[in-house]
Amino acid sequence: MKRTVNSARTATAFGRHSGKVRIGVVGAGVFGGYHAQKYASSPHSEFVGVFDLNTENAGKLIAKIGKGSAFGSFDALAAQCDALVIATPAVTHAALTRRALDAGKHALVEKPLALNGHEARALAGLALERDLVLQVGHQERLVFQAMGLFSTGERPINIEGARVGPASPDGRCEDVSAIFDLMIHDLDLAAELFGSEVKSVYGRGRKVHTDKIDEAIALVKFANGGEAKLTASRARTQRSRSMRIDYPSGTVEIDFLTRKVTNTTPFNIRADVSEILPDPLRAADEAFLAAIQGRDVSPVTGGVGARAAAMAELVEKSALKRAPAMAVTSTAAAA
């Protein structure tokens, strides 16, 4: 049975699973470990285990959790599960998600769903065709919902966001650009806030310490007249994460690091949502189970993930046209 909510973007399968959901995690890295811990302690799931090409890491994770098994192959894990979490390097997301769906398993995949819009939309369509729940790891949406930003009843005029910081000491996520690593979050949030189709995209970027774009600026114009200017960098000396949202009735400014909100609108925007949303990742993981069991619909459908991936692809293509001339070789130059 399929259920469509609002539009093709939010179309999603509505599960009918009874009893606990047998779930496994593909990837024993940082986020794979987080997901494994959440599902091992959930009353709605039976944690089956982990598969990782690095069998030592998989074994260490299972030992830490004290539940489940380390599996020797993707197929062996999938055969024992109703659902899989894909928490592997971003370049593998699309292929592994397709394997999960082809095997008849519900799938939760960390962002990005894919590295281009065409492939991401195909995966969203495949999930609907197979009547499977596909959820993408844009759980920051749950934070915005808890803050009240998705229920103002008023669309923004302009959005300006920044998500910058230094390079990861272990090179994590450097298999993709800062656009697919960092900016994709704000692209998704801006698109949801504007509630309109993208009209045009301009991107500018530079390579700093990898062969990918490490710092980028995007200007996205929407069909309803809204504009978003977004900055993402993994080449700065200091961390900063902020967003300014201009509405016809006022402005909301958010510093996500200090949890400070300046609000001149009449909307009730919560600065601190720790009481109603103490653990966004757990909330997203539980929402995935609820969708599979038919208790609710997924808050981040495959279509939502596909839209974000398509926007990131447009920004990256635009930025790559200008990146060679802007390339630098030191992080100091990008600070």
C-alpha atoms as a PDB file:
ATOM      1  CA  MET A   1       0.000   0.000   0.000  1.00  0.00           C
ATOM      2  CA  LYS A   2       1.396   3.401  -0.944  1.00  0.00           C
ATOM      3  CA  ARG A   3       0.572   6.768   0.532  1.00  0.00           C
ATOM      4  CA  THR A   4       1.265  10.120  -1.079  1.00  0.00           C
ATOM      5  CA  VAL A   5       1.639  13.221   1.079  1.00  0.00           C
ATOM      6  CA  ASN A   6       1.418  16.697  -0.531  1.00  0.00           C
ATOM      7  CA  SER A   7       3.540  16.106  -3.639  1.00  0.00           C
ATOM      8  CA  ALA A   8       5.883  13.783  -5.491  1.00  0.00           C
ATOM      9  CA  ARG A   9       8.691  15.144  -3.326  1.00  0.00           C
ATOM     10  CA  THR A  10       7.072  13.831  -0.172  1.00  0.00           C
ATOM     11  CA  ALA A  11       5.553  10.682  -1.650  1.00  0.00           C
ATOM     12  CA  THR A  12       6.516   7.736   0.493  1.00  0.00           C
ATOM     13  CA  ALA A  13       5.618   4.137   1.145  1.00  0.00           C
ATOM     14  CA  PHE A  14       3.550   3.653   4.291  1.00  0.00           C
ATOM     15  CA  GLY A  15       4.769   0.508   6.037  1.00  0.00           C
ATOM     16  CA  ARG A  16       2.733  -2.366   7.397  1.00  0.00           C
ATOM     17  CA  HIS A  17       5.414  -4.171   9.400  1.00  0.00           C
ATOM     18  CA  SER A  18       4.190  -5.759  12.617  1.00  0.00           C
ATOM     19  CA  GLY A  19       6.462  -6.407  15.543  1.00  0.00           C
ATOM     20  CA  LYS A  20      10.037  -5.267  15.989  1.00  0.00           C
ATOM     21  CA  VAL A  21      11.972  -4.247  12.887  1.00  0.00           C
ATOM     22  CA  ARG A  22      15.105  -6.309  12.320  1.00  0.00           C
ATOM     23  CA  ILE A  23      17.696  -3.729  11.383  1.00  0.00           C
ATOM     24  CA  GLY A  24      21.348  -3.764  10.389  1.00  0.00           C
ATOM     25  CA  VAL A  25      23.947  -1.067   9.806  1.00  0.00           C
ATOM     26  CA  VAL A  26      26.254  -0.918   6.808  1.00  0.00           C
ATOM     27  CA  GLY A  27      29.377   0.977   7.855  1.00  0.00           C
ATOM     28  CA  ALA A  28      31.188   0.862  11.203  1.00  0.00           C
ATOM     29  CA  GLY A  29      32.467   4.430  11.173  1.00  0.00           C
ATOM     30  CA  VAL A  30      31.406   7.336  13.369  1.00  0.00           C
ATOM     31  CA  PHE A  31      27.820   7.628  12.154  1.00  0.00           C
ATOM     32  CA  GLY A  32      27.431   3.901  11.719  1.00  0.00           C
ATOM     33  CA  GLY A  33      28.314   3.578  15.381  1.00  0.00           C
ATOM     34  CA  TYR A  34      25.785   6.211  16.394  1.00  0.00           C
ATOM     35  CA  HIS A  35      22.986   4.511  14.469  1.00  0.00           C
ATOM     36  CA  ALA A  36      23.927   1.072  15.779  1.00  0.00           C
ATOM     37  CA  GLN A  37      23.740   2.315  19.374  1.00  0.00           C
ATOM     38  CA  LYS A  38      20.322   3.918  18.818  1.00  0.00           C
ATOM     39  CA  TYR A  39      18.800   0.822  17.239  1.00  0.00           C
ATOM     40  CA  ALA A  40      20.370  -1.538  19.779  1.00  0.00           C
ATOM     41  CA  SER A  41      18.483   0.327  22.524  1.00  0.00           C
ATOM     42  CA  SER A  42      15.184   0.978  20.728  1.00  0.00           C
ATOM     43  CA  PRO A  43      12.060  -0.874  21.915  1.00  0.00           C
ATOM     44  CA  HIS A  44      10.827  -0.946  18.303  1.00  0.00           C
ATOM     45  CA  SER A  45      13.811  -2.682  16.689  1.00  0.00           C
ATOM     46  CA  GLU A  46      15.921  -5.794  16.902  1.00  0.00           C
ATOM     47  CA  PHE A  47      19.507  -4.838  16.174  1.00  0.00           C
ATOM     48  CA  VAL A  48      20.952  -7.573  13.935  1.00  0.00           C
ATOM     49  CA  GLY A  49      24.477  -6.358  13.379  1.00  0.00           C
ATOM     50  CA  VAL A  50      26.989  -4.519  11.237  1.00  0.00           C
ATOM     51  CA  PHE A  51      28.817  -5.030   7.973  1.00  0.00           C
ATOM     52  CA  ASP A  52      31.971  -3.098   7.130  1.00  0.00           C
ATOM     53  CA  LEU A  53      34.771  -3.856   4.680  1.00  0.00           C
ATOM     54  CA  ASN A  54      37.059  -3.299   7.653  1.00  0.00           C
ATOM     55  CA  THR A  55      36.130  -6.393   9.638  1.00  0.00           C
ATOM     56  CA  GLU A  56      38.196  -5.262  12.628  1.00  0.00           C
ATOM     57  CA  ASN A  57      36.170  -2.043  12.945  1.00  0.00           C
ATOM     58  CA  ALA A  58      32.924  -3.996  12.642  1.00  0.00           C
ATOM     59  CA  GLY A  59      34.023  -6.360  15.397  1.00  0.00           C
ATOM     60  CA  LYS A  60      35.031  -3.500  17.693  1.00  0.00           C
ATOM     61  CA  LEU A  61      31.662  -1.816  17.223  1.00  0.00           C
ATOM     62  CA  ILE A  62      29.753  -4.998  18.050  1.00  0.00           C
ATOM     63  CA  ALA A  63      31.911  -5.537  21.120  1.00  0.00           C
ATOM     64  CA  LYS A  64      31.211  -1.980  22.267  1.00  0.00           C
ATOM     65  CA  ILE A  65      27.446  -2.332  21.822  1.00  0.00           C
ATOM     66  CA  GLY A  66      27.215  -5.840  23.223  1.00  0.00           C
ATOM     67  CA  LYS A  67      24.505  -6.875  20.782  1.00  0.00           C
ATOM     68  CA  GLY A  68      24.319  -8.199  17.241  1.00  0.00           C
ATOM     69  CA  SER A  69      26.986  -9.721  15.024  1.00  0.00           C
ATOM     70  CA  ALA A  70      29.686  -8.586  12.628  1.00  0.00           C
ATOM     71  CA  PHE A  71      28.768  -9.848   9.164  1.00  0.00           C
ATOM     72  CA  GLY A  72      31.177 -10.798   6.411  1.00  0.00           C
ATOM     73  CA  SER A  73      29.172  -9.384   3.521  1.00  0.00           C
ATOM     74  CA  PHE A  74      26.411  -6.942   2.653  1.00  0.00           C
ATOM     75  CA  ASP A  75      24.202  -9.750   1.375  1.00  0.00           C
ATOM     76  CA  ALA A  76      24.640 -11.823   4.531  1.00  0.00           C
ATOM     77  CA  LEU A  77      23.515  -8.898   6.689  1.00  0.00           C
ATOM     78  CA  ALA A  78      20.640  -7.990   4.375  1.00  0.00           C
ATOM     79  CA  ALA A  79      19.328 -11.549   4.434  1.00  0.00           C
ATOM     80  CA  GLN A  80      18.734 -11.278   8.194  1.00  0.00           C
ATOM     81  CA  CYS A  81      17.126  -7.814   8.172  1.00  0.00           C
ATOM     82  CA  ASP A  82      13.915  -5.989   7.349  1.00  0.00           C
ATOM     83  CA  ALA A  83      15.752  -2.666   7.037  1.00  0.00           C
ATOM     84  CA  LEU A  84      19.268  -1.366   6.531  1.00  0.00           C
ATOM     85  CA  VAL A  85      21.060   1.827   7.513  1.00  0.00           C
ATOM     86  CA  ILE A  86      23.645   3.000   4.973  1.00  0.00           C
ATOM     87  CA  ALA A  87      26.358   4.911   6.858  1.00  0.00           C
ATOM     88  CA  THR A  88      29.315   4.544   4.515  1.00  0.00           C
ATOM     89  CA  PRO A  89      31.377   7.109   2.556  1.00  0.00           C
ATOM     90  CA  ALA A  90      29.129   9.386   0.489  1.00  0.00           C
ATOM     91  CA  VAL A  91      30.403   8.121  -2.860  1.00  0.00           C
ATOM     92  CA  THR A  92      28.962   4.677  -2.049  1.00  0.00           C
ATOM     93  CA  HIS A  93      25.509   5.806  -0.863  1.00  0.00           C
ATOM     94  CA  ALA A  94      23.628   5.471  -4.134  1.00  0.00           C
ATOM     95  CA  ALA A  95      24.960   2.028  -5.049  1.00  0.00           C
ATOM     96  CA  LEU A  96      24.408   0.565  -1.582  1.00  0.00           C
ATOM     97  CA  THR A  97      20.940   2.081  -1.279  1.00  0.00           C
ATOM     98  CA  ARG A  98      20.017   0.509  -4.591  1.00  0.00           C
ATOM     99  CA  ARG A  99      21.313  -2.852  -3.362  1.00  0.00           C
ATOM    100  CA  ALA A 100      19.205  -2.536  -0.233  1.00  0.00           C
ATOM    101  CA  LEU A 101      16.038  -1.650  -2.166  1.00  0.00           C
ATOM    102  CA  ASP A 102      16.692  -4.385  -4.744  1.00  0.00           C
ATOM    103  CA  ALA A 103      16.941  -6.834  -1.852  1.00  0.00           C
ATOM    104  CA  GLY A 104      13.511  -5.694  -0.650  1.00  0.00           C
ATOM    105  CA  LYS A 105      14.787  -3.842   2.418  1.00  0.00           C
ATOM    106  CA  HIS A 106      13.652  -0.502   3.783  1.00  0.00           C
ATOM    107  CA  ALA A 107      16.599   1.898   3.788  1.00  0.00           C
ATOM    108  CA  LEU A 108      17.804   4.845   5.821  1.00  0.00           C
ATOM    109  CA  VAL A 109      20.785   6.445   4.091  1.00  0.00           C
ATOM    110  CA  GLU A 110      22.970   9.205   5.443  1.00  0.00           C
ATOM    111  CA  LYS A 111      23.098  12.320   3.276  1.00  0.00           C
ATOM    112  CA  PRO A 112      23.615  12.711   0.402  1.00  0.00           C
ATOM    113  CA  LEU A 113      21.237  10.192  -1.126  1.00  0.00           C
ATOM    114  CA  ALA A 114      23.311  10.336  -4.322  1.00  0.00           C
ATOM    115  CA  LEU A 115      25.799  12.653  -6.009  1.00  0.00           C
ATOM    116  CA  ASN A 116      23.428  13.734  -8.764  1.00  0.00           C
ATOM    117  CA  GLY A 117      19.749  14.467  -9.043  1.00  0.00           C
ATOM    118  CA  HIS A 118      18.991  11.864 -11.688  1.00  0.00           C
ATOM    119  CA  GLU A 119      20.301   8.956  -9.632  1.00  0.00           C
ATOM    120  CA  ALA A 120      18.705  10.270  -6.431  1.00  0.00           C
ATOM    121  CA  ARG A 121      15.285  10.617  -8.083  1.00  0.00           C
ATOM    122  CA  ALA A 122      15.635   7.109  -9.512  1.00  0.00           C
ATOM    123  CA  LEU A 123      16.231   5.711  -6.018  1.00  0.00           C
ATOM    124  CA  ALA A 124      13.232   7.597  -4.622  1.00  0.00           C
ATOM    125  CA  GLY A 125      11.127   6.175  -7.451  1.00  0.00           C
ATOM    126  CA  LEU A 126      12.444   2.657  -6.906  1.00  0.00           C
ATOM    127  CA  ALA A 127      11.477   2.785  -3.227  1.00  0.00           C
ATOM    128  CA  LEU A 128       7.917   3.753  -4.151  1.00  0.00           C
ATOM    129  CA  GLU A 129       7.788   1.076  -6.834  1.00  0.00           C
ATOM    130  CA  ARG A 130       8.936  -1.569  -4.334  1.00  0.00           C
ATOM    131  CA  ASP A 131       6.648  -0.193  -1.596  1.00  0.00           C
ATOM    132  CA  LEU A 132       9.644   0.385   0.689  1.00  0.00           C
ATOM    133  CA  VAL A 133      10.396   3.219   3.097  1.00  0.00           C
ATOM    134  CA  LEU A 134      13.392   5.284   2.006  1.00  0.00           C
ATOM    135  CA  GLN A 135      14.573   7.937   4.458  1.00  0.00           C
ATOM    136  CA  VAL A 136      17.552  10.289   4.085  1.00  0.00           C
ATOM    137  CA  GLY A 137      19.674  11.602   6.957  1.00  0.00           C
ATOM    138  CA  HIS A 138      18.708  15.270   6.873  1.00  0.00           C
ATOM    139  CA  GLN A 139      17.738  15.182  10.552  1.00  0.00           C
ATOM    140  CA  GLU A 140      18.434  18.887  10.990  1.00  0.00           C
ATOM    141  CA  ARG A 141      14.913  19.277   9.594  1.00  0.00           C
ATOM    142  CA  LEU A 142      13.663  17.897  12.899  1.00  0.00           C
ATOM    143  CA  VAL A 143      15.514  20.689  14.716  1.00  0.00           C
ATOM    144  CA  PHE A 144      13.931  23.363  12.503  1.00  0.00           C
ATOM    145  CA  GLN A 145      10.531  21.806  13.057  1.00  0.00           C
ATOM    146  CA  ALA A 146      11.047  21.835  16.824  1.00  0.00           C
ATOM    147  CA  MET A 147      12.215  25.456  16.693  1.00  0.00           C
ATOM    148  CA  GLY A 148       8.961  26.419  14.966  1.00  0.00           C
ATOM    149  CA  LEU A 149      10.555  27.500  11.692  1.00  0.00           C
ATOM    150  CA  PHE A 150       8.398  25.213   9.553  1.00  0.00           C
ATOM    151  CA  SER A 151       5.128  26.371  11.082  1.00  0.00           C
ATOM    152  CA  THR A 152       5.281  30.173  10.796  1.00  0.00           C
ATOM    153  CA  GLY A 153       2.642  30.362   8.067  1.00  0.00           C
ATOM    154  CA  GLU A 154       4.818  32.900   6.243  1.00  0.00           C
ATOM    155  CA  ARG A 155       7.431  32.334   3.547  1.00  0.00           C
ATOM    156  CA  PRO A 156      10.825  34.045   3.778  1.00  0.00           C
ATOM    157  CA  ILE A 157      12.075  36.677   1.353  1.00  0.00           C
ATOM    158  CA  ASN A 158      15.782  36.027   1.804  1.00  0.00           C
ATOM    159  CA  ILE A 159      17.963  33.507   3.602  1.00  0.00           C
ATOM    160  CA  GLU A 160      21.672  33.773   4.341  1.00  0.00           C
ATOM    161  CA  GLY A 161      23.452  30.817   5.892  1.00  0.00           C
ATOM    162  CA  ALA A 162      27.013  29.880   6.777  1.00  0.00           C
ATOM    163  CA  ARG A 163      28.410  26.508   7.786  1.00  0.00           C
ATOM    164  CA  VAL A 164      32.193  26.730   8.000  1.00  0.00           C
ATOM    165  CA  GLY A 165      35.087  25.271   9.935  1.00  0.00           C
ATOM    166  CA  PRO A 166      38.518  23.687   9.691  1.00  0.00           C
ATOM    167  CA  ALA A 167      39.388  20.514   7.840  1.00  0.00           C
ATOM    168  CA  SER A 168      38.585  17.249   9.570  1.00  0.00           C
ATOM    169  CA  PRO A 169      41.775  15.925  11.218  1.00  0.00           C
ATOM    170  CA  ASP A 170      41.077  12.426   9.918  1.00  0.00           C
ATOM    171  CA  GLY A 171      39.947  13.500   6.435  1.00  0.00           C
ATOM    172  CA  ARG A 172      36.384  12.310   7.065  1.00  0.00           C
ATOM    173  CA  CYS A 173      33.891  13.156   4.289  1.00  0.00           C
ATOM    174  CA  GLU A 174      36.601  14.382   1.929  1.00  0.00           C
ATOM    175  CA  ASP A 175      35.465  11.899  -0.706  1.00  0.00           C
ATOM    176  CA  VAL A 176      32.988  14.615  -1.757  1.00  0.00           C
ATOM    177  CA  SER A 177      33.034  18.406  -1.953  1.00  0.00           C
ATOM    178  CA  ALA A 178      32.064  20.758   0.852  1.00  0.00           C
ATOM    179  CA  ILE A 179      28.857  21.292  -1.120  1.00  0.00           C
ATOM    180  CA  PHE A 180      27.731  17.676  -0.717  1.00  0.00           C
ATOM    181  CA  ASP A 181      29.350  17.388   2.714  1.00  0.00           C
ATOM    182  CA  LEU A 182      28.147  20.614   4.387  1.00  0.00           C
ATOM    183  CA  MET A 183      26.100  22.939   2.194  1.00  0.00           C
ATOM    184  CA  ILE A 184      23.557  20.273   1.270  1.00  0.00           C
ATOM    185  CA  HIS A 185      22.010  20.656   4.752  1.00  0.00           C
ATOM    186  CA  ASP A 186      21.292  24.347   4.221  1.00  0.00           C
ATOM    187  CA  LEU A 187      20.148  23.797   0.637  1.00  0.00           C
ATOM    188  CA  ASP A 188      17.547  21.375   1.965  1.00  0.00           C
ATOM    189  CA  LEU A 189      16.456  23.696   4.783  1.00  0.00           C
ATOM    190  CA  ALA A 190      16.213  26.717   2.473  1.00  0.00           C
ATOM    191  CA  ALA A 191      14.149  24.814  -0.091  1.00  0.00           C
ATOM    192  CA  GLU A 192      11.722  23.688   2.609  1.00  0.00           C
ATOM    193  CA  LEU A 193      11.430  27.177   4.086  1.00  0.00           C
ATOM    194  CA  PHE A 194      10.761  28.798   0.701  1.00  0.00           C
ATOM    195  CA  GLY A 195       8.413  26.006  -0.396  1.00  0.00           C
ATOM    196  CA  SER A 196       9.067  26.795  -4.042  1.00  0.00           C
ATOM    197  CA  GLU A 197      10.860  25.341  -7.036  1.00  0.00           C
ATOM    198  CA  VAL A 198      14.413  26.410  -7.812  1.00  0.00           C
ATOM    199  CA  LYS A 199      14.620  28.998 -10.581  1.00  0.00           C
ATOM    200  CA  SER A 200      18.381  29.474 -10.914  1.00  0.00           C
ATOM    201  CA  VAL A 201      21.628  28.523  -9.195  1.00  0.00           C
ATOM    202  CA  TYR A 202      25.006  30.250  -9.135  1.00  0.00           C
ATOM    203  CA  GLY A 203      27.977  28.639  -7.454  1.00  0.00           C
ATOM    204  CA  ARG A 204      31.535  29.725  -6.806  1.00  0.00           C
ATOM    205  CA  GLY A 205      34.207  27.666  -5.097  1.00  0.00           C
ATOM    206  CA  ARG A 206      37.815  26.769  -4.589  1.00  0.00           C
ATOM    207  CA  LYS A 207      39.952  23.774  -3.814  1.00  0.00           C
ATOM    208  CA  VAL A 208      42.135  24.211  -0.774  1.00  0.00           C
ATOM    209  CA  HIS A 209      43.482  20.981   0.712  1.00  0.00           C
ATOM    210  CA  THR A 210      41.756  18.300  -1.405  1.00  0.00           C
ATOM    211  CA  ASP A 211      41.037  17.775  -5.088  1.00  0.00           C
ATOM    212  CA  LYS A 212      37.392  18.625  -4.364  1.00  0.00           C
ATOM    213  CA  ILE A 213      35.828  22.023  -3.689  1.00  0.00           C
ATOM    214  CA  ASP A 214      36.599  22.775  -0.058  1.00  0.00           C
ATOM    215  CA  GLU A 215      34.931  26.177   0.105  1.00  0.00           C
ATOM    216  CA  ALA A 216      31.863  27.338  -1.808  1.00  0.00           C
ATOM    217  CA  ILE A 217      29.325  30.120  -2.029  1.00  0.00           C
ATOM    218  CA  ALA A 218      25.926  29.587  -3.648  1.00  0.00           C
ATOM    219  CA  LEU A 219      23.173  31.965  -4.666  1.00  0.00           C
ATOM    220  CA  VAL A 220      19.912  30.100  -5.209  1.00  0.00           C
ATOM    221  CA  LYS A 221      16.860  31.896  -6.579  1.00  0.00           C
ATOM    222  CA  PHE A 222      13.417  30.371  -6.185  1.00  0.00           C
ATOM    223  CA  ALA A 223      10.357  30.689  -8.395  1.00  0.00           C
ATOM    224  CA  ASN A 224       8.415  32.593  -5.706  1.00  0.00           C
ATOM    225  CA  GLY A 225      11.070  35.333  -5.650  1.00  0.00           C
ATOM    226  CA  GLY A 226      12.998  34.127  -2.613  1.00  0.00           C
ATOM    227  CA  GLU A 227      16.786  34.058  -2.606  1.00  0.00           C
ATOM    228  CA  ALA A 228      19.269  32.100  -0.531  1.00  0.00           C
ATOM    229  CA  LYS A 229      22.958  32.911  -0.183  1.00  0.00           C
ATOM    230  CA  LEU A 230      24.811  30.016   1.391  1.00  0.00           C
ATOM    231  CA  THR A 231      28.459  29.526   2.358  1.00  0.00           C
ATOM    232  CA  ALA A 232      30.158  26.258   3.199  1.00  0.00           C
ATOM    233  CA  SER A 233      33.806  25.683   4.021  1.00  0.00           C
ATOM    234  CA  ARG A 234      36.073  23.086   5.546  1.00  0.00           C
ATOM    235  CA  ALA A 235      39.098  25.373   5.181  1.00  0.00           C
ATOM    236  CA  ARG A 236      38.567  28.018   7.877  1.00  0.00           C
ATOM    237  CA  THR A 237      40.465  28.353  11.133  1.00  0.00           C
ATOM    238  CA  GLN A 238      37.299  28.921  13.203  1.00  0.00           C
ATOM    239  CA  ARG A 239      33.924  27.210  13.247  1.00  0.00           C
ATOM    240  CA  SER A 240      30.773  29.159  12.504  1.00  0.00           C
ATOM    241  CA  ARG A 241      27.249  28.056  11.804  1.00  0.00           C
ATOM    242  CA  SER A 242      24.521  30.615  11.409  1.00  0.00           C
ATOM    243  CA  MET A 243      21.396  31.504   9.460  1.00  0.00           C
ATOM    244  CA  ARG A 244      19.511  34.747   8.902  1.00  0.00           C
ATOM    245  CA  ILE A 245      15.936  34.452   7.623  1.00  0.00           C
ATOM    246  CA  ASP A 246      14.208  37.615   6.434  1.00  0.00           C
ATOM    247  CA  TYR A 247      10.398  37.508   6.418  1.00  0.00           C
ATOM    248  CA  PRO A 248       7.934  40.227   5.374  1.00  0.00           C
ATOM    249  CA  SER A 249       7.148  40.626   9.094  1.00  0.00           C
ATOM    250  CA  GLY A 250      10.697  40.646  10.467  1.00  0.00           C
ATOM    251  CA  THR A 251      13.947  38.735  10.779  1.00  0.00           C
ATOM    252  CA  VAL A 252      15.143  35.620  12.602  1.00  0.00           C
ATOM    253  CA  GLU A 253      18.896  35.302  13.205  1.00  0.00           C
ATOM    254  CA  ILE A 254      20.264  32.047  14.583  1.00  0.00           C
ATOM    255  CA  ASP A 255      23.719  31.204  15.919  1.00  0.00           C
ATOM    256  CA  PHE A 256      23.606  27.427  16.113  1.00  0.00           C
ATOM    257  CA  LEU A 257      26.842  27.133  18.077  1.00  0.00           C
ATOM    258  CA  THR A 258      25.736  29.393  20.935  1.00  0.00           C
ATOM    259  CA  ARG A 259      22.012  28.587  20.502  1.00  0.00           C
ATOM    260  CA  LYS A 260      21.269  32.286  20.396  1.00  0.00           C
ATOM    261  CA  VAL A 261      18.218  33.482  18.459  1.00  0.00           C
ATOM    262  CA  THR A 262      17.383  37.096  17.662  1.00  0.00           C
ATOM    263  CA  ASN A 263      13.769  37.377  16.523  1.00  0.00           C
ATOM    264  CA  THR A 264      11.879  40.488  15.374  1.00  0.00           C
ATOM    265  CA  THR A 265       8.987  38.521  13.857  1.00  0.00           C
ATOM    266  CA  PRO A 266       5.712  37.714  15.630  1.00  0.00           C
ATOM    267  CA  PHE A 267       6.531  33.991  15.402  1.00  0.00           C
ATOM    268  CA  ASN A 268       7.306  31.885  18.449  1.00  0.00           C
ATOM    269  CA  ILE A 269      10.783  30.624  17.543  1.00  0.00           C
ATOM    270  CA  ARG A 270      12.443  28.465  20.199  1.00  0.00           C
ATOM    271  CA  ALA A 271      16.149  29.040  20.752  1.00  0.00           C
ATOM    272  CA  ASP A 272      16.729  25.840  22.722  1.00  0.00           C
ATOM    273  CA  VAL A 273      14.852  22.682  21.768  1.00  0.00           C
ATOM    274  CA  SER A 274      16.845  20.312  23.972  1.00  0.00           C
ATOM    275  CA  GLU A 275      13.825  19.474  26.124  1.00  0.00           C
ATOM    276  CA  ILE A 276      11.460  18.600  23.268  1.00  0.00           C
ATOM    277  CA  LEU A 277      14.172  17.206  20.980  1.00  0.00           C
ATOM    278  CA  PRO A 278      17.035  16.012  23.178  1.00  0.00           C
ATOM    279  CA  ASP A 279      18.515  13.693  20.538  1.00  0.00           C
ATOM    280  CA  PRO A 280      17.742  14.560  16.868  1.00  0.00           C
ATOM    281  CA  LEU A 281      19.487  11.454  15.533  1.00  0.00           C
ATOM    282  CA  ARG A 282      17.509   9.155  17.818  1.00  0.00           C
ATOM    283  CA  ALA A 283      14.318  10.969  16.812  1.00  0.00           C
ATOM    284  CA  ALA A 284      15.139  10.448  13.131  1.00  0.00           C
ATOM    285  CA  ASP A 285      15.980   6.783  13.691  1.00  0.00           C
ATOM    286  CA  GLU A 286      12.746   6.244  15.598  1.00  0.00           C
ATOM    287  CA  ALA A 287      10.815   8.026  12.836  1.00  0.00           C
ATOM    288  CA  PHE A 288      12.244   5.541  10.338  1.00  0.00           C
ATOM    289  CA  LEU A 289      10.946   2.651  12.452  1.00  0.00           C
ATOM    290  CA  ALA A 290       7.563   4.357  12.822  1.00  0.00           C
ATOM    291  CA  ALA A 291       7.280   4.684   9.043  1.00  0.00           C
ATOM    292  CA  ILE A 292       8.122   1.022   8.512  1.00  0.00           C
ATOM    293  CA  GLN A 293       5.558  -0.033  11.127  1.00  0.00           C
ATOM    294  CA  GLY A 294       2.868   2.265   9.720  1.00  0.00           C
ATOM    295  CA  ARG A 295       2.660   4.453  12.815  1.00  0.00           C
ATOM    296  CA  ASP A 296       3.642   7.612  10.896  1.00  0.00           C
ATOM    297  CA  VAL A 297       5.183   8.773   7.632  1.00  0.00           C
ATOM    298  CA  SER A 298       8.889   9.444   7.255  1.00  0.00           C
ATOM    299  CA  PRO A 299       9.878  13.072   7.955  1.00  0.00           C
ATOM    300  CA  VAL A 300      12.643  12.971   5.315  1.00  0.00           C
ATOM    301  CA  THR A 301      11.469  11.011   2.292  1.00  0.00           C
ATOM    302  CA  GLY A 302      13.506   9.852  -0.663  1.00  0.00           C
ATOM    303  CA  GLY A 303      12.009  12.671  -2.700  1.00  0.00           C
ATOM    304  CA  VAL A 304      13.235  15.229  -0.183  1.00  0.00           C
ATOM    305  CA  GLY A 305      16.720  13.729  -0.329  1.00  0.00           C
ATOM    306  CA  ALA A 306      16.591  13.732  -4.123  1.00  0.00           C
ATOM    307  CA  ARG A 307      15.723  17.431  -4.225  1.00  0.00           C
ATOM    308  CA  ALA A 308      18.669  18.272  -1.967  1.00  0.00           C
ATOM    309  CA  ALA A 309      21.027  16.159  -4.066  1.00  0.00           C
ATOM    310  CA  ALA A 310      19.826  17.808  -7.271  1.00  0.00           C
ATOM    311  CA  MET A 311      20.372  21.284  -5.800  1.00  0.00           C
ATOM    312  CA  ALA A 312      23.858  20.344  -4.599  1.00  0.00           C
ATOM    313  CA  GLU A 313      24.682  19.008  -8.049  1.00  0.00           C
ATOM    314  CA  LEU A 314      23.661  22.313  -9.659  1.00  0.00           C
ATOM    315  CA  VAL A 315      25.763  24.320  -7.205  1.00  0.00           C
ATOM    316  CA  GLU A 316      28.780  22.072  -7.719  1.00  0.00           C
ATOM    317  CA  LYS A 317      28.579  22.188 -11.504  1.00  0.00           C
ATOM    318  CA  SER A 318      28.423  25.977 -11.393  1.00  0.00           C
ATOM    319  CA  ALA A 319      31.262  26.211  -8.883  1.00  0.00           C
ATOM    320  CA  LEU A 320      33.505  23.811 -10.795  1.00  0.00           C
ATOM    321  CA  LYS A 321      33.414  26.117 -13.804  1.00  0.00           C
ATOM    322  CA  ARG A 322      35.185  28.724 -11.687  1.00  0.00           C
ATOM    323  CA  ALA A 323      37.184  26.586  -9.256  1.00  0.00           C
ATOM    324  CA  PRO A 324      40.465  26.167 -11.228  1.00  0.00           C
ATOM    325  CA  ALA A 325      41.118  29.898 -11.347  1.00  0.00           C
ATOM    326  CA  MET A 326      40.428  30.211  -7.623  1.00  0.00           C
ATOM    327  CA  ALA A 327      42.403  27.211  -6.425  1.00  0.00           C
ATOM    328  CA  VAL A 328      44.719  27.811  -3.449  1.00  0.00           C
ATOM    329  CA  THR A 329      47.112  25.572  -1.613  1.00  0.00           C
ATOM    330  CA  SER A 330      46.882  26.643   2.009  1.00  0.00           C
ATOM    331  CA  THR A 331      44.083  26.858   4.506  1.00  0.00           C
ATOM    332  CA  ALA A 332      45.338  30.243   5.631  1.00  0.00           C
ATOM    333  CA  ALA A 333      44.386  31.741   2.276  1.00  0.00           C
ATOM    334  CA  ALA A 334      40.810  30.591   2.771  1.00  0.00           C
ATOM    335  CA  ALA A 335      40.415  31.813   6.333  1.00  0.00           C
END
